[in-house]
N, C-alpha and C. Protein backbone atom coordinates (compact mmCIF):
# COMPACT_ATOMS: atom_id res chain seq x y z
N MET A 1 29.02 -31.13 -2.23
CA MET A 1 28.45 -30.75 -0.95
C MET A 1 28.38 -29.23 -0.81
N THR A 2 29.44 -28.52 -1.17
CA THR A 2 29.46 -27.06 -1.07
C THR A 2 28.42 -26.45 -2.00
N ARG A 3 28.28 -27.07 -3.16
CA ARG A 3 27.32 -26.58 -4.13
C ARG A 3 25.89 -26.75 -3.60
N VAL A 4 25.61 -27.84 -2.93
CA VAL A 4 24.30 -28.09 -2.36
C VAL A 4 24.04 -27.08 -1.23
N LEU A 5 25.04 -26.85 -0.38
CA LEU A 5 24.89 -25.87 0.71
C LEU A 5 24.67 -24.48 0.14
N SER A 6 25.41 -24.13 -0.91
CA SER A 6 25.23 -22.81 -1.53
C SER A 6 23.83 -22.68 -2.10
N LEU A 7 23.35 -23.73 -2.76
CA LEU A 7 22.01 -23.72 -3.32
C LEU A 7 20.96 -23.61 -2.22
N MET A 8 21.18 -24.33 -1.11
CA MET A 8 20.25 -24.26 0.01
C MET A 8 20.25 -22.86 0.63
N LEU A 9 21.43 -22.23 0.71
CA LEU A 9 21.54 -20.89 1.27
C LEU A 9 20.81 -19.89 0.38
N VAL A 10 20.97 -20.02 -0.93
CA VAL A 10 20.28 -19.13 -1.87
C VAL A 10 18.77 -19.30 -1.75
N VAL A 11 18.30 -20.53 -1.65
CA VAL A 11 16.87 -20.78 -1.51
C VAL A 11 16.37 -20.22 -0.18
N TRP A 12 17.12 -20.46 0.88
CA TRP A 12 16.74 -19.98 2.20
C TRP A 12 16.69 -18.45 2.22
N LEU A 13 17.71 -17.78 1.68
CA LEU A 13 17.72 -16.32 1.62
C LEU A 13 16.58 -15.80 0.74
N GLY A 14 16.29 -16.53 -0.31
CA GLY A 14 15.19 -16.15 -1.20
C GLY A 14 13.85 -16.20 -0.49
N LEU A 15 13.71 -17.11 0.48
CA LEU A 15 12.47 -17.21 1.25
C LEU A 15 12.41 -16.19 2.37
N ILE A 16 13.55 -15.91 2.99
CA ILE A 16 13.59 -14.99 4.13
C ILE A 16 13.48 -13.54 3.68
N ALA A 17 14.14 -13.16 2.61
CA ALA A 17 14.14 -11.76 2.17
C ALA A 17 12.74 -11.21 1.93
N PRO A 18 11.86 -11.93 1.21
CA PRO A 18 10.51 -11.39 1.03
C PRO A 18 9.74 -11.26 2.34
N VAL A 19 9.96 -12.18 3.27
CA VAL A 19 9.28 -12.11 4.56
C VAL A 19 9.78 -10.89 5.33
N ALA A 20 11.09 -10.66 5.32
CA ALA A 20 11.65 -9.51 6.01
C ALA A 20 11.16 -8.22 5.38
N GLN A 21 11.09 -8.18 4.07
CA GLN A 21 10.63 -7.00 3.37
C GLN A 21 9.14 -6.74 3.68
N ALA A 22 8.34 -7.77 3.68
CA ALA A 22 6.92 -7.63 3.98
C ALA A 22 6.72 -7.15 5.42
N THR A 23 7.53 -7.66 6.34
CA THR A 23 7.44 -7.23 7.73
C THR A 23 7.80 -5.77 7.86
N GLU A 24 8.85 -5.35 7.15
CA GLU A 24 9.26 -3.94 7.18
C GLU A 24 8.17 -3.05 6.60
N GLU A 25 7.54 -3.46 5.52
CA GLU A 25 6.46 -2.67 4.91
C GLU A 25 5.27 -2.58 5.85
N ASN A 26 4.93 -3.68 6.52
CA ASN A 26 3.81 -3.66 7.46
C ASN A 26 4.09 -2.73 8.63
N THR A 27 5.35 -2.71 9.09
CA THR A 27 5.74 -1.84 10.19
C THR A 27 5.57 -0.39 9.77
N GLN A 28 5.98 -0.04 8.55
CA GLN A 28 5.83 1.32 8.07
C GLN A 28 4.36 1.69 7.93
N GLU A 29 3.53 0.79 7.46
CA GLU A 29 2.11 1.06 7.29
C GLU A 29 1.42 1.22 8.64
N GLN A 30 1.88 0.52 9.66
CA GLN A 30 1.23 0.54 10.95
C GLN A 30 1.79 1.62 11.87
N TYR A 31 2.81 2.34 11.44
CA TYR A 31 3.42 3.37 12.28
C TYR A 31 2.44 4.52 12.47
N ILE A 32 2.09 4.79 13.68
CA ILE A 32 1.30 5.97 14.02
C ILE A 32 1.91 6.55 15.28
N SER A 33 2.15 7.84 15.22
CA SER A 33 2.73 8.51 16.37
C SER A 33 2.04 9.85 16.55
N TYR A 34 2.03 10.34 17.76
CA TYR A 34 1.40 11.61 18.07
C TYR A 34 2.44 12.55 18.64
N ILE A 35 2.39 13.79 18.19
CA ILE A 35 3.30 14.82 18.67
C ILE A 35 2.46 15.88 19.37
N GLU A 36 2.68 16.04 20.65
CA GLU A 36 1.97 17.06 21.42
C GLU A 36 2.76 18.35 21.37
N LEU A 37 2.11 19.41 20.95
CA LEU A 37 2.74 20.72 20.94
C LEU A 37 2.48 21.39 22.28
N LYS A 38 3.37 22.29 22.67
CA LYS A 38 3.15 23.05 23.89
C LYS A 38 1.86 23.84 23.73
N PRO A 39 1.15 24.09 24.82
CA PRO A 39 -0.13 24.82 24.71
C PRO A 39 0.04 26.20 24.08
N PHE A 40 -0.97 26.59 23.34
CA PHE A 40 -1.02 27.91 22.72
C PHE A 40 -1.94 28.78 23.56
N VAL A 41 -1.50 29.97 23.88
CA VAL A 41 -2.34 30.95 24.54
C VAL A 41 -2.22 32.22 23.73
N THR A 42 -3.36 32.70 23.22
CA THR A 42 -3.35 33.90 22.41
C THR A 42 -4.64 34.67 22.60
N ASN A 43 -4.59 35.95 22.30
CA ASN A 43 -5.81 36.72 22.33
C ASN A 43 -6.38 36.78 20.93
N PHE A 44 -7.68 37.06 20.84
CA PHE A 44 -8.34 37.22 19.55
C PHE A 44 -9.51 38.17 19.72
N GLY A 45 -10.07 38.61 18.63
CA GLY A 45 -11.20 39.54 18.68
C GLY A 45 -10.72 40.96 18.48
N SER A 46 -11.63 41.90 18.71
CA SER A 46 -11.31 43.31 18.51
C SER A 46 -10.82 43.93 19.81
N ALA A 47 -10.32 45.17 19.71
CA ALA A 47 -9.83 45.86 20.90
C ALA A 47 -10.96 46.11 21.88
N ASP A 48 -12.19 46.26 21.38
CA ASP A 48 -13.34 46.49 22.24
C ASP A 48 -13.79 45.21 22.95
N ASP A 49 -13.56 44.09 22.32
CA ASP A 49 -14.02 42.80 22.86
C ASP A 49 -12.88 41.78 22.77
N LEU A 50 -11.83 42.01 23.53
CA LEU A 50 -10.66 41.13 23.50
C LEU A 50 -10.95 39.85 24.25
N ARG A 51 -10.70 38.71 23.61
CA ARG A 51 -10.94 37.39 24.19
C ARG A 51 -9.63 36.61 24.19
N PHE A 52 -9.60 35.51 24.92
CA PHE A 52 -8.41 34.66 24.99
C PHE A 52 -8.75 33.24 24.58
N LEU A 53 -7.77 32.61 23.96
CA LEU A 53 -7.93 31.24 23.51
C LEU A 53 -6.71 30.44 23.98
N LYS A 54 -6.98 29.32 24.60
CA LYS A 54 -5.90 28.40 24.97
C LYS A 54 -6.20 27.08 24.27
N ALA A 55 -5.24 26.62 23.47
CA ALA A 55 -5.43 25.39 22.71
C ALA A 55 -4.25 24.46 22.96
N GLU A 56 -4.58 23.20 23.23
CA GLU A 56 -3.57 22.15 23.28
C GLU A 56 -3.78 21.31 22.02
N VAL A 57 -2.72 21.20 21.23
CA VAL A 57 -2.81 20.58 19.91
C VAL A 57 -1.92 19.35 19.87
N THR A 58 -2.46 18.28 19.30
CA THR A 58 -1.70 17.05 19.07
C THR A 58 -1.77 16.73 17.59
N ILE A 59 -0.62 16.41 17.02
CA ILE A 59 -0.52 16.12 15.59
C ILE A 59 -0.26 14.63 15.40
N GLN A 60 -0.95 14.03 14.45
CA GLN A 60 -0.75 12.61 14.13
C GLN A 60 0.13 12.48 12.89
N VAL A 61 1.17 11.65 13.00
CA VAL A 61 2.05 11.36 11.87
C VAL A 61 2.11 9.86 11.66
N ASN A 62 2.48 9.44 10.44
CA ASN A 62 2.47 8.02 10.11
C ASN A 62 3.83 7.44 9.78
N SER A 63 4.90 8.19 10.02
CA SER A 63 6.23 7.64 9.75
C SER A 63 7.25 8.35 10.63
N SER A 64 8.38 7.73 10.79
CA SER A 64 9.45 8.37 11.57
C SER A 64 9.99 9.58 10.82
N ALA A 65 9.96 9.56 9.49
CA ALA A 65 10.39 10.72 8.70
C ALA A 65 9.45 11.90 8.96
N ALA A 66 8.17 11.62 9.07
CA ALA A 66 7.19 12.67 9.36
C ALA A 66 7.42 13.24 10.75
N HIS A 67 7.70 12.36 11.70
CA HIS A 67 7.98 12.79 13.07
C HIS A 67 9.18 13.73 13.08
N HIS A 68 10.22 13.35 12.36
CA HIS A 68 11.43 14.16 12.28
C HIS A 68 11.13 15.51 11.60
N ALA A 69 10.36 15.50 10.51
CA ALA A 69 10.05 16.73 9.78
C ALA A 69 9.27 17.71 10.66
N VAL A 70 8.29 17.21 11.41
CA VAL A 70 7.51 18.08 12.29
C VAL A 70 8.42 18.68 13.36
N ASN A 71 9.26 17.86 13.96
CA ASN A 71 10.17 18.37 14.98
C ASN A 71 11.16 19.38 14.41
N ALA A 72 11.61 19.16 13.19
CA ALA A 72 12.57 20.07 12.57
C ALA A 72 11.96 21.44 12.28
N HIS A 73 10.66 21.48 12.05
CA HIS A 73 9.99 22.74 11.68
C HIS A 73 8.98 23.18 12.73
N LYS A 74 9.15 22.70 13.95
CA LYS A 74 8.18 22.98 15.01
C LYS A 74 8.04 24.47 15.29
N ALA A 75 9.13 25.22 15.25
CA ALA A 75 9.06 26.66 15.51
C ALA A 75 8.19 27.37 14.48
N GLN A 76 8.37 27.05 13.23
CA GLN A 76 7.55 27.66 12.18
C GLN A 76 6.09 27.23 12.29
N ILE A 77 5.87 25.97 12.60
CA ILE A 77 4.50 25.46 12.77
C ILE A 77 3.81 26.20 13.91
N ARG A 78 4.50 26.35 15.04
CA ARG A 78 3.91 27.07 16.18
C ARG A 78 3.62 28.51 15.81
N ASN A 79 4.54 29.16 15.13
CA ASN A 79 4.34 30.54 14.71
C ASN A 79 3.08 30.68 13.84
N ASP A 80 2.96 29.81 12.85
CA ASP A 80 1.81 29.86 11.95
C ASP A 80 0.50 29.60 12.69
N LEU A 81 0.52 28.67 13.64
CA LEU A 81 -0.69 28.37 14.39
C LEU A 81 -1.08 29.52 15.32
N VAL A 82 -0.10 30.20 15.91
CA VAL A 82 -0.40 31.36 16.75
C VAL A 82 -1.12 32.43 15.93
N PHE A 83 -0.62 32.69 14.73
CA PHE A 83 -1.26 33.69 13.87
C PHE A 83 -2.66 33.24 13.45
N LEU A 84 -2.83 31.97 13.17
CA LEU A 84 -4.15 31.46 12.82
C LEU A 84 -5.12 31.62 13.99
N PHE A 85 -4.71 31.22 15.17
CA PHE A 85 -5.58 31.30 16.34
C PHE A 85 -5.91 32.75 16.71
N SER A 86 -4.94 33.65 16.58
CA SER A 86 -5.20 35.04 16.94
C SER A 86 -6.08 35.76 15.92
N ALA A 87 -6.26 35.20 14.74
CA ALA A 87 -7.10 35.80 13.71
C ALA A 87 -8.56 35.34 13.80
N GLN A 88 -8.91 34.58 14.81
CA GLN A 88 -10.26 34.04 14.94
C GLN A 88 -11.24 35.08 15.47
N THR A 89 -12.51 34.79 15.29
CA THR A 89 -13.60 35.61 15.82
C THR A 89 -14.47 34.74 16.71
N ASP A 90 -15.42 35.37 17.39
CA ASP A 90 -16.35 34.60 18.23
C ASP A 90 -17.08 33.53 17.41
N GLU A 91 -17.46 33.89 16.19
CA GLU A 91 -18.20 32.96 15.33
C GLU A 91 -17.34 31.76 14.90
N SER A 92 -16.05 32.00 14.71
CA SER A 92 -15.20 30.92 14.19
C SER A 92 -14.73 29.95 15.28
N VAL A 93 -15.05 30.25 16.54
CA VAL A 93 -14.70 29.32 17.63
C VAL A 93 -15.87 29.07 18.57
N GLY A 94 -17.04 29.63 18.25
CA GLY A 94 -18.18 29.60 19.15
C GLY A 94 -18.93 28.29 19.25
N THR A 95 -18.79 27.41 18.26
CA THR A 95 -19.52 26.14 18.29
C THR A 95 -18.55 24.99 18.03
N VAL A 96 -19.00 23.80 18.32
CA VAL A 96 -18.18 22.62 18.07
C VAL A 96 -17.88 22.49 16.58
N ALA A 97 -18.88 22.73 15.75
CA ALA A 97 -18.68 22.65 14.29
C ALA A 97 -17.64 23.67 13.83
N ALA A 98 -17.70 24.88 14.38
CA ALA A 98 -16.72 25.91 14.02
C ALA A 98 -15.32 25.51 14.49
N GLN A 99 -15.24 24.89 15.64
CA GLN A 99 -13.94 24.44 16.16
C GLN A 99 -13.36 23.32 15.30
N GLN A 100 -14.23 22.46 14.76
CA GLN A 100 -13.77 21.41 13.85
C GLN A 100 -13.24 22.02 12.55
N VAL A 101 -13.89 23.07 12.08
CA VAL A 101 -13.40 23.77 10.89
C VAL A 101 -12.04 24.39 11.19
N LEU A 102 -11.89 24.98 12.37
CA LEU A 102 -10.61 25.56 12.77
C LEU A 102 -9.52 24.49 12.82
N ALA A 103 -9.84 23.31 13.34
CA ALA A 103 -8.87 22.21 13.38
C ALA A 103 -8.47 21.82 11.96
N GLY A 104 -9.42 21.80 11.03
CA GLY A 104 -9.11 21.50 9.63
C GLY A 104 -8.20 22.54 9.02
N LYS A 105 -8.44 23.82 9.33
CA LYS A 105 -7.57 24.89 8.83
C LYS A 105 -6.16 24.76 9.40
N ALA A 106 -6.08 24.42 10.68
CA ALA A 106 -4.78 24.24 11.32
C ALA A 106 -4.02 23.08 10.68
N LEU A 107 -4.72 21.99 10.40
CA LEU A 107 -4.10 20.84 9.73
C LEU A 107 -3.59 21.24 8.35
N GLU A 108 -4.42 21.92 7.57
CA GLU A 108 -4.00 22.36 6.23
C GLU A 108 -2.80 23.29 6.30
N LEU A 109 -2.77 24.16 7.30
CA LEU A 109 -1.66 25.09 7.48
C LEU A 109 -0.35 24.34 7.74
N ILE A 110 -0.40 23.35 8.60
CA ILE A 110 0.79 22.56 8.90
C ILE A 110 1.23 21.77 7.68
N GLN A 111 0.28 21.15 6.99
CA GLN A 111 0.60 20.38 5.78
C GLN A 111 1.23 21.28 4.72
N LYS A 112 0.71 22.48 4.57
CA LYS A 112 1.26 23.42 3.59
C LYS A 112 2.70 23.80 3.95
N THR A 113 2.92 24.09 5.22
CA THR A 113 4.26 24.44 5.69
C THR A 113 5.25 23.31 5.41
N LEU A 114 4.86 22.08 5.75
CA LEU A 114 5.75 20.94 5.53
C LEU A 114 5.95 20.66 4.05
N MET A 115 4.93 20.89 3.24
CA MET A 115 5.07 20.69 1.79
C MET A 115 6.09 21.67 1.23
N GLU A 116 6.03 22.92 1.69
CA GLU A 116 6.99 23.93 1.23
C GLU A 116 8.41 23.62 1.70
N GLU A 117 8.54 23.16 2.93
CA GLU A 117 9.86 22.94 3.51
C GLU A 117 10.46 21.57 3.17
N GLU A 118 9.62 20.54 3.12
CA GLU A 118 10.11 19.17 2.97
C GLU A 118 9.71 18.50 1.67
N GLY A 119 8.73 19.07 0.97
CA GLY A 119 8.26 18.45 -0.27
C GLY A 119 7.20 17.38 -0.06
N GLU A 120 6.76 17.23 1.17
CA GLU A 120 5.71 16.26 1.50
C GLU A 120 4.91 16.81 2.69
N SER A 121 3.60 16.53 2.71
CA SER A 121 2.76 17.12 3.76
C SER A 121 2.88 16.40 5.11
N TYR A 122 3.22 15.12 5.10
CA TYR A 122 3.52 14.31 6.28
C TYR A 122 2.41 14.16 7.32
N VAL A 123 1.79 15.22 7.80
CA VAL A 123 0.85 15.15 8.91
C VAL A 123 -0.49 14.62 8.42
N SER A 124 -1.03 13.62 9.12
CA SER A 124 -2.28 13.01 8.66
C SER A 124 -3.50 13.51 9.43
N ASP A 125 -3.33 14.03 10.64
CA ASP A 125 -4.48 14.53 11.38
C ASP A 125 -4.02 15.48 12.48
N LEU A 126 -4.96 16.25 12.98
CA LEU A 126 -4.69 17.20 14.05
C LEU A 126 -5.87 17.17 15.00
N PHE A 127 -5.56 17.20 16.29
CA PHE A 127 -6.60 17.14 17.32
C PHE A 127 -6.42 18.27 18.32
N PHE A 128 -7.52 18.87 18.73
CA PHE A 128 -7.49 19.75 19.89
C PHE A 128 -7.73 18.86 21.10
N THR A 129 -6.72 18.69 21.92
CA THR A 129 -6.90 17.87 23.12
C THR A 129 -7.49 18.72 24.24
N SER A 130 -7.42 20.03 24.09
CA SER A 130 -8.07 20.96 25.00
C SER A 130 -8.24 22.27 24.24
N LEU A 131 -9.39 22.90 24.42
CA LEU A 131 -9.65 24.19 23.78
C LEU A 131 -10.50 25.01 24.74
N VAL A 132 -9.90 26.08 25.28
CA VAL A 132 -10.58 26.94 26.24
C VAL A 132 -10.66 28.33 25.66
N ILE A 133 -11.87 28.89 25.69
CA ILE A 133 -12.09 30.23 25.15
C ILE A 133 -12.71 31.08 26.25
N GLN A 134 -12.13 32.27 26.51
CA GLN A 134 -12.65 33.17 27.53
C GLN A 134 -12.89 34.52 26.92
């Protein structure tokens, strides 16, 4: 009787473990989270034609490890983005297409920072939830 129960337990665990593992893998694949950064306000342009840019940025991550990595390096990420935004010109923010290019540069900058610090780029997308230029 004990041998039969042990065999049944082994069979039952053998059936449950793959299901639990598959569920865990699906959860990791379906994980999507967004991290909103505090708004950026910076000036750009020349001394003769000083302009201001206010950007609200949201970062998309696909794992809790990515979420943790972004939060751990948020100060450096913000610093790098401020320098990127302040280096812009009227042409590089003047159209929607130019703003999309800027968003791509910002994403690459964050991915590069995380690759250097964590060994993985982690961030899958970046969105301007608001972009005001004066």
